[in-house]
C-alpha atoms as a PDB file:
ATOM      1  CA  UNK A   1      -2.310  47.860 -44.361  1.00  0.00           C
ATOM      2  CA  UNK A   2      -3.548  46.562 -41.081  1.00  0.00           C
ATOM      3  CA  UNK A   3      -1.283  46.093 -37.952  1.00  0.00           C
ATOM      4  CA  UNK A   4      -2.120  44.397 -34.807  1.00  0.00           C
ATOM      5  CA  UNK A   5      -2.258  46.594 -31.776  1.00  0.00           C
ATOM      6  CA  UNK A   6      -2.694  46.420 -28.011  1.00  0.00           C
ATOM      7  CA  UNK A   7      -5.484  48.880 -27.103  1.00  0.00           C
ATOM      8  CA  UNK A   8      -4.623  50.104 -23.670  1.00  0.00           C
ATOM      9  CA  UNK A   9      -7.458  52.696 -23.842  1.00  0.00           C
ATOM     10  CA  UNK A  10     -10.153  51.426 -26.055  1.00  0.00           C
ATOM     11  CA  UNK A  11     -11.847  53.579 -28.649  1.00  0.00           C
ATOM     12  CA  UNK A  12     -12.292  54.118 -32.440  1.00  0.00           C
ATOM     13  CA  UNK A  13     -10.528  56.891 -34.329  1.00  0.00           C
ATOM     14  CA  UNK A  14      -9.715  57.898 -37.765  1.00  0.00           C
ATOM     15  CA  UNK A  15      -7.632  60.793 -38.815  1.00  0.00           C
ATOM     16  CA  UNK A  16      -4.339  62.366 -40.075  1.00  0.00           C
ATOM     17  CA  UNK A  17      -1.255  60.868 -38.515  1.00  0.00           C
ATOM     18  CA  UNK A  18       1.382  63.104 -36.993  1.00  0.00           C
ATOM     19  CA  UNK A  19       4.576  61.209 -36.464  1.00  0.00           C
ATOM     20  CA  UNK A  20       7.509  61.913 -34.363  1.00  0.00           C
ATOM     21  CA  UNK A  21      10.709  60.045 -34.323  1.00  0.00           C
ATOM     22  CA  UNK A  22      11.642  60.658 -30.610  1.00  0.00           C
ATOM     23  CA  UNK A  23       9.845  59.971 -27.443  1.00  0.00           C
ATOM     24  CA  UNK A  24       7.524  62.852 -26.540  1.00  0.00           C
ATOM     25  CA  UNK A  25       8.190  64.654 -23.278  1.00  0.00           C
ATOM     26  CA  UNK A  26       4.689  65.235 -22.169  1.00  0.00           C
ATOM     27  CA  UNK A  27       5.148  68.087 -19.787  1.00  0.00           C
ATOM     28  CA  UNK A  28       7.544  70.020 -22.005  1.00  0.00           C
ATOM     29  CA  UNK A  29       5.355  69.509 -24.982  1.00  0.00           C
ATOM     30  CA  UNK A  30       1.932  70.632 -23.530  1.00  0.00           C
ATOM     31  CA  UNK A  31       2.739  72.962 -20.710  1.00  0.00           C
ATOM     32  CA  UNK A  32       2.681  76.128 -22.594  1.00  0.00           C
ATOM     33  CA  UNK A  33      -0.642  75.317 -24.393  1.00  0.00           C
ATOM     34  CA  UNK A  34      -2.264  74.223 -21.136  1.00  0.00           C
ATOM     35  CA  UNK A  35      -1.159  77.332 -19.086  1.00  0.00           C
ATOM     36  CA  UNK A  36      -2.192  79.712 -21.902  1.00  0.00           C
ATOM     37  CA  UNK A  37      -5.585  77.894 -22.441  1.00  0.00           C
ATOM     38  CA  UNK A  38      -4.536  77.768 -26.266  1.00  0.00           C
ATOM     39  CA  UNK A  39      -7.089  76.510 -28.736  1.00  0.00           C
ATOM     40  CA  UNK A  40      -4.330  74.463 -30.355  1.00  0.00           C
ATOM     41  CA  UNK A  41      -2.209  71.560 -29.137  1.00  0.00           C
ATOM     42  CA  UNK A  42       1.083  73.004 -30.253  1.00  0.00           C
ATOM     43  CA  UNK A  43       3.977  70.886 -29.237  1.00  0.00           C
ATOM     44  CA  UNK A  44       6.089  73.217 -27.233  1.00  0.00           C
ATOM     45  CA  UNK A  45       9.133  71.109 -26.610  1.00  0.00           C
ATOM     46  CA  UNK A  46      12.064  72.725 -28.625  1.00  0.00           C
ATOM     47  CA  UNK A  47      14.045  69.542 -28.348  1.00  0.00           C
ATOM     48  CA  UNK A  48      11.330  67.326 -30.104  1.00  0.00           C
ATOM     49  CA  UNK A  49      11.155  66.888 -33.874  1.00  0.00           C
ATOM     50  CA  UNK A  50       7.328  67.749 -33.641  1.00  0.00           C
ATOM     51  CA  UNK A  51       8.044  71.258 -32.021  1.00  0.00           C
ATOM     52  CA  UNK A  52       5.618  73.729 -33.360  1.00  0.00           C
ATOM     53  CA  UNK A  53       3.249  71.115 -34.564  1.00  0.00           C
ATOM     54  CA  UNK A  54      -0.481  71.179 -33.694  1.00  0.00           C
ATOM     55  CA  UNK A  55      -1.575  67.718 -32.692  1.00  0.00           C
ATOM     56  CA  UNK A  56      -5.061  68.646 -31.651  1.00  0.00           C
ATOM     57  CA  UNK A  57      -7.459  66.105 -33.257  1.00  0.00           C
ATOM     58  CA  UNK A  58      -4.760  64.258 -34.972  1.00  0.00           C
ATOM     59  CA  UNK A  59      -3.455  60.643 -34.505  1.00  0.00           C
ATOM     60  CA  UNK A  60      -0.073  61.237 -32.645  1.00  0.00           C
ATOM     61  CA  UNK A  61       2.380  58.494 -33.422  1.00  0.00           C
ATOM     62  CA  UNK A  62       5.541  58.400 -31.241  1.00  0.00           C
ATOM     63  CA  UNK A  63       7.752  55.737 -30.043  1.00  0.00           C
ATOM     64  CA  UNK A  64       6.638  56.369 -26.396  1.00  0.00           C
ATOM     65  CA  UNK A  65       5.830  59.235 -24.021  1.00  0.00           C
ATOM     66  CA  UNK A  66       8.130  60.343 -21.266  1.00  0.00           C
ATOM     67  CA  UNK A  67       7.890  62.854 -18.409  1.00  0.00           C
ATOM     68  CA  UNK A  68       7.694  63.149 -14.641  1.00  0.00           C
ATOM     69  CA  UNK A  69       4.919  61.884 -12.490  1.00  0.00           C
ATOM     70  CA  UNK A  70       2.754  64.838 -13.815  1.00  0.00           C
ATOM     71  CA  UNK A  71       2.554  63.229 -17.366  1.00  0.00           C
ATOM     72  CA  UNK A  72      -0.863  61.672 -16.864  1.00  0.00           C
ATOM     73  CA  UNK A  73      -2.302  64.868 -15.325  1.00  0.00           C
ATOM     74  CA  UNK A  74      -0.934  66.755 -18.358  1.00  0.00           C
ATOM     75  CA  UNK A  75      -2.749  64.395 -20.804  1.00  0.00           C
ATOM     76  CA  UNK A  76      -5.806  64.594 -18.697  1.00  0.00           C
ATOM     77  CA  UNK A  77      -5.867  68.283 -18.686  1.00  0.00           C
ATOM     78  CA  UNK A  78      -5.038  68.403 -22.430  1.00  0.00           C
ATOM     79  CA  UNK A  79      -8.054  66.183 -23.099  1.00  0.00           C
ATOM     80  CA  UNK A  80     -10.295  68.174 -20.746  1.00  0.00           C
ATOM     81  CA  UNK A  81      -9.258  71.520 -22.537  1.00  0.00           C
ATOM     82  CA  UNK A  82      -9.818  69.930 -25.972  1.00  0.00           C
ATOM     83  CA  UNK A  83      -6.330  70.361 -27.290  1.00  0.00           C
ATOM     84  CA  UNK A  84      -5.147  66.650 -27.084  1.00  0.00           C
ATOM     85  CA  UNK A  85      -4.626  64.331 -29.982  1.00  0.00           C
ATOM     86  CA  UNK A  86      -7.597  62.244 -31.120  1.00  0.00           C
ATOM     87  CA  UNK A  87      -5.631  59.173 -30.344  1.00  0.00           C
ATOM     88  CA  UNK A  88      -2.078  58.133 -29.473  1.00  0.00           C
ATOM     89  CA  UNK A  89      -0.183  55.287 -30.989  1.00  0.00           C
ATOM     90  CA  UNK A  90       3.188  54.246 -29.316  1.00  0.00           C
ATOM     91  CA  UNK A  91       5.728  51.484 -29.846  1.00  0.00           C
ATOM     92  CA  UNK A  92       5.943  51.116 -26.001  1.00  0.00           C
ATOM     93  CA  UNK A  93       3.331  52.103 -23.523  1.00  0.00           C
ATOM     94  CA  UNK A  94       4.058  54.695 -20.812  1.00  0.00           C
ATOM     95  CA  UNK A  95       1.794  53.996 -17.816  1.00  0.00           C
ATOM     96  CA  UNK A  96       1.297  57.639 -17.112  1.00  0.00           C
ATOM     97  CA  UNK A  97      -0.008  58.366 -20.603  1.00  0.00           C
ATOM     98  CA  UNK A  98      -2.443  55.521 -20.084  1.00  0.00           C
ATOM     99  CA  UNK A  99      -3.464  56.760 -16.605  1.00  0.00           C
ATOM    100  CA  UNK A 100      -4.286  60.273 -18.066  1.00  0.00           C
ATOM    101  CA  UNK A 101      -6.334  58.804 -20.825  1.00  0.00           C
ATOM    102  CA  UNK A 102      -8.140  56.403 -18.574  1.00  0.00           C
ATOM    103  CA  UNK A 103      -8.989  59.023 -15.958  1.00  0.00           C
ATOM    104  CA  UNK A 104     -10.389  61.366 -18.718  1.00  0.00           C
ATOM    105  CA  UNK A 105     -12.698  58.492 -19.899  1.00  0.00           C
ATOM    106  CA  UNK A 106     -13.936  57.837 -16.369  1.00  0.00           C
ATOM    107  CA  UNK A 107     -14.052  61.407 -15.053  1.00  0.00           C
ATOM    108  CA  UNK A 108     -15.023  63.293 -18.215  1.00  0.00           C
ATOM    109  CA  UNK A 109     -16.397  60.668 -20.411  1.00  0.00           C
ATOM    110  CA  UNK A 110     -13.895  61.851 -23.058  1.00  0.00           C
ATOM    111  CA  UNK A 111     -12.004  58.933 -24.644  1.00  0.00           C
ATOM    112  CA  UNK A 112      -8.534  59.325 -26.208  1.00  0.00           C
ATOM    113  CA  UNK A 113      -7.690  55.845 -27.475  1.00  0.00           C
ATOM    114  CA  UNK A 114      -4.074  54.734 -26.667  1.00  0.00           C
ATOM    115  CA  UNK A 115      -2.611  51.927 -28.673  1.00  0.00           C
ATOM    116  CA  UNK A 116       0.596  50.013 -28.554  1.00  0.00           C
ATOM    117  CA  UNK A 117       1.929  48.702 -31.870  1.00  0.00           C
ATOM    118  CA  UNK A 118       5.238  46.563 -31.823  1.00  0.00           C
ATOM    119  CA  UNK A 119       5.276  45.673 -35.401  1.00  0.00           C
ATOM    120  CA  UNK A 120       8.328  47.247 -37.040  1.00  0.00           C
ATOM    121  CA  UNK A 121       6.775  47.492 -40.449  1.00  0.00           C
ATOM    122  CA  UNK A 122       4.191  49.793 -38.998  1.00  0.00           C
ATOM    123  CA  UNK A 123       6.897  52.174 -37.877  1.00  0.00           C
ATOM    124  CA  UNK A 124       8.573  52.043 -41.252  1.00  0.00           C
ATOM    125  CA  UNK A 125       5.295  52.637 -43.138  1.00  0.00           C
ATOM    126  CA  UNK A 126       3.350  55.299 -41.132  1.00  0.00           C
ATOM    127  CA  UNK A 127       4.110  58.896 -41.968  1.00  0.00           C
ATOM    128  CA  UNK A 128       2.906  62.324 -41.163  1.00  0.00           C
ATOM    129  CA  UNK A 129       0.002  63.210 -43.261  1.00  0.00           C
ATOM    130  CA  UNK A 130      -1.460  59.761 -44.006  1.00  0.00           C
ATOM    131  CA  UNK A 131      -4.896  58.662 -42.768  1.00  0.00           C
ATOM    132  CA  UNK A 132      -4.830  56.154 -39.824  1.00  0.00           C
ATOM    133  CA  UNK A 133      -7.825  54.160 -38.507  1.00  0.00           C
ATOM    134  CA  UNK A 134      -8.062  52.454 -35.167  1.00  0.00           C
ATOM    135  CA  UNK A 135     -10.409  49.570 -34.651  1.00  0.00           C
ATOM    136  CA  UNK A 136     -10.478  48.257 -31.226  1.00  0.00           C
ATOM    137  CA  UNK A 137     -12.866  45.448 -32.094  1.00  0.00           C
ATOM    138  CA  UNK A 138     -10.370  43.878 -34.481  1.00  0.00           C
ATOM    139  CA  UNK A 139      -7.433  45.139 -32.299  1.00  0.00           C
ATOM    140  CA  UNK A 140      -5.891  46.917 -35.476  1.00  0.00           C
ATOM    141  CA  UNK A 141      -4.358  50.129 -36.585  1.00  0.00           C
ATOM    142  CA  UNK A 142      -4.767  50.569 -40.283  1.00  0.00           C
ATOM    143  CA  UNK A 143      -2.534  52.865 -42.448  1.00  0.00           C
ATOM    144  CA  UNK A 144      -4.884  54.050 -45.264  1.00  0.00           C
ATOM    145  CA  UNK A 145      -2.425  55.842 -47.408  1.00  0.00           C
END
């Protein structure tokens, strides 16, 4: 099933979805992995339902991201270190998430697509483990099964 999306950072991606039910606190989620130069993107926020989950190379699907003004830098550094998700799909965009992804594309030529999907059916359908494909030309996010 295909759903319309607003690509805040354009790029194609296809991979396994990792879905969280709560907004993701960016700093709390990635700080430990960044400081230790981990090779995995383990969510380190014990208050999040994805705690302990490796999101490296996955399609991260969360309602939104939250954090302090460092959130953009956290995503920028996660992308630079190679532990970030392949793409992020949110219900509501956080400008700091977008800023980190945009700066990564500009400064490091590393694109992490960021897509906003408002369609409630998408949020009822997508589940951890299913394949998801992002198509910026068609402005769609497809849940493949």
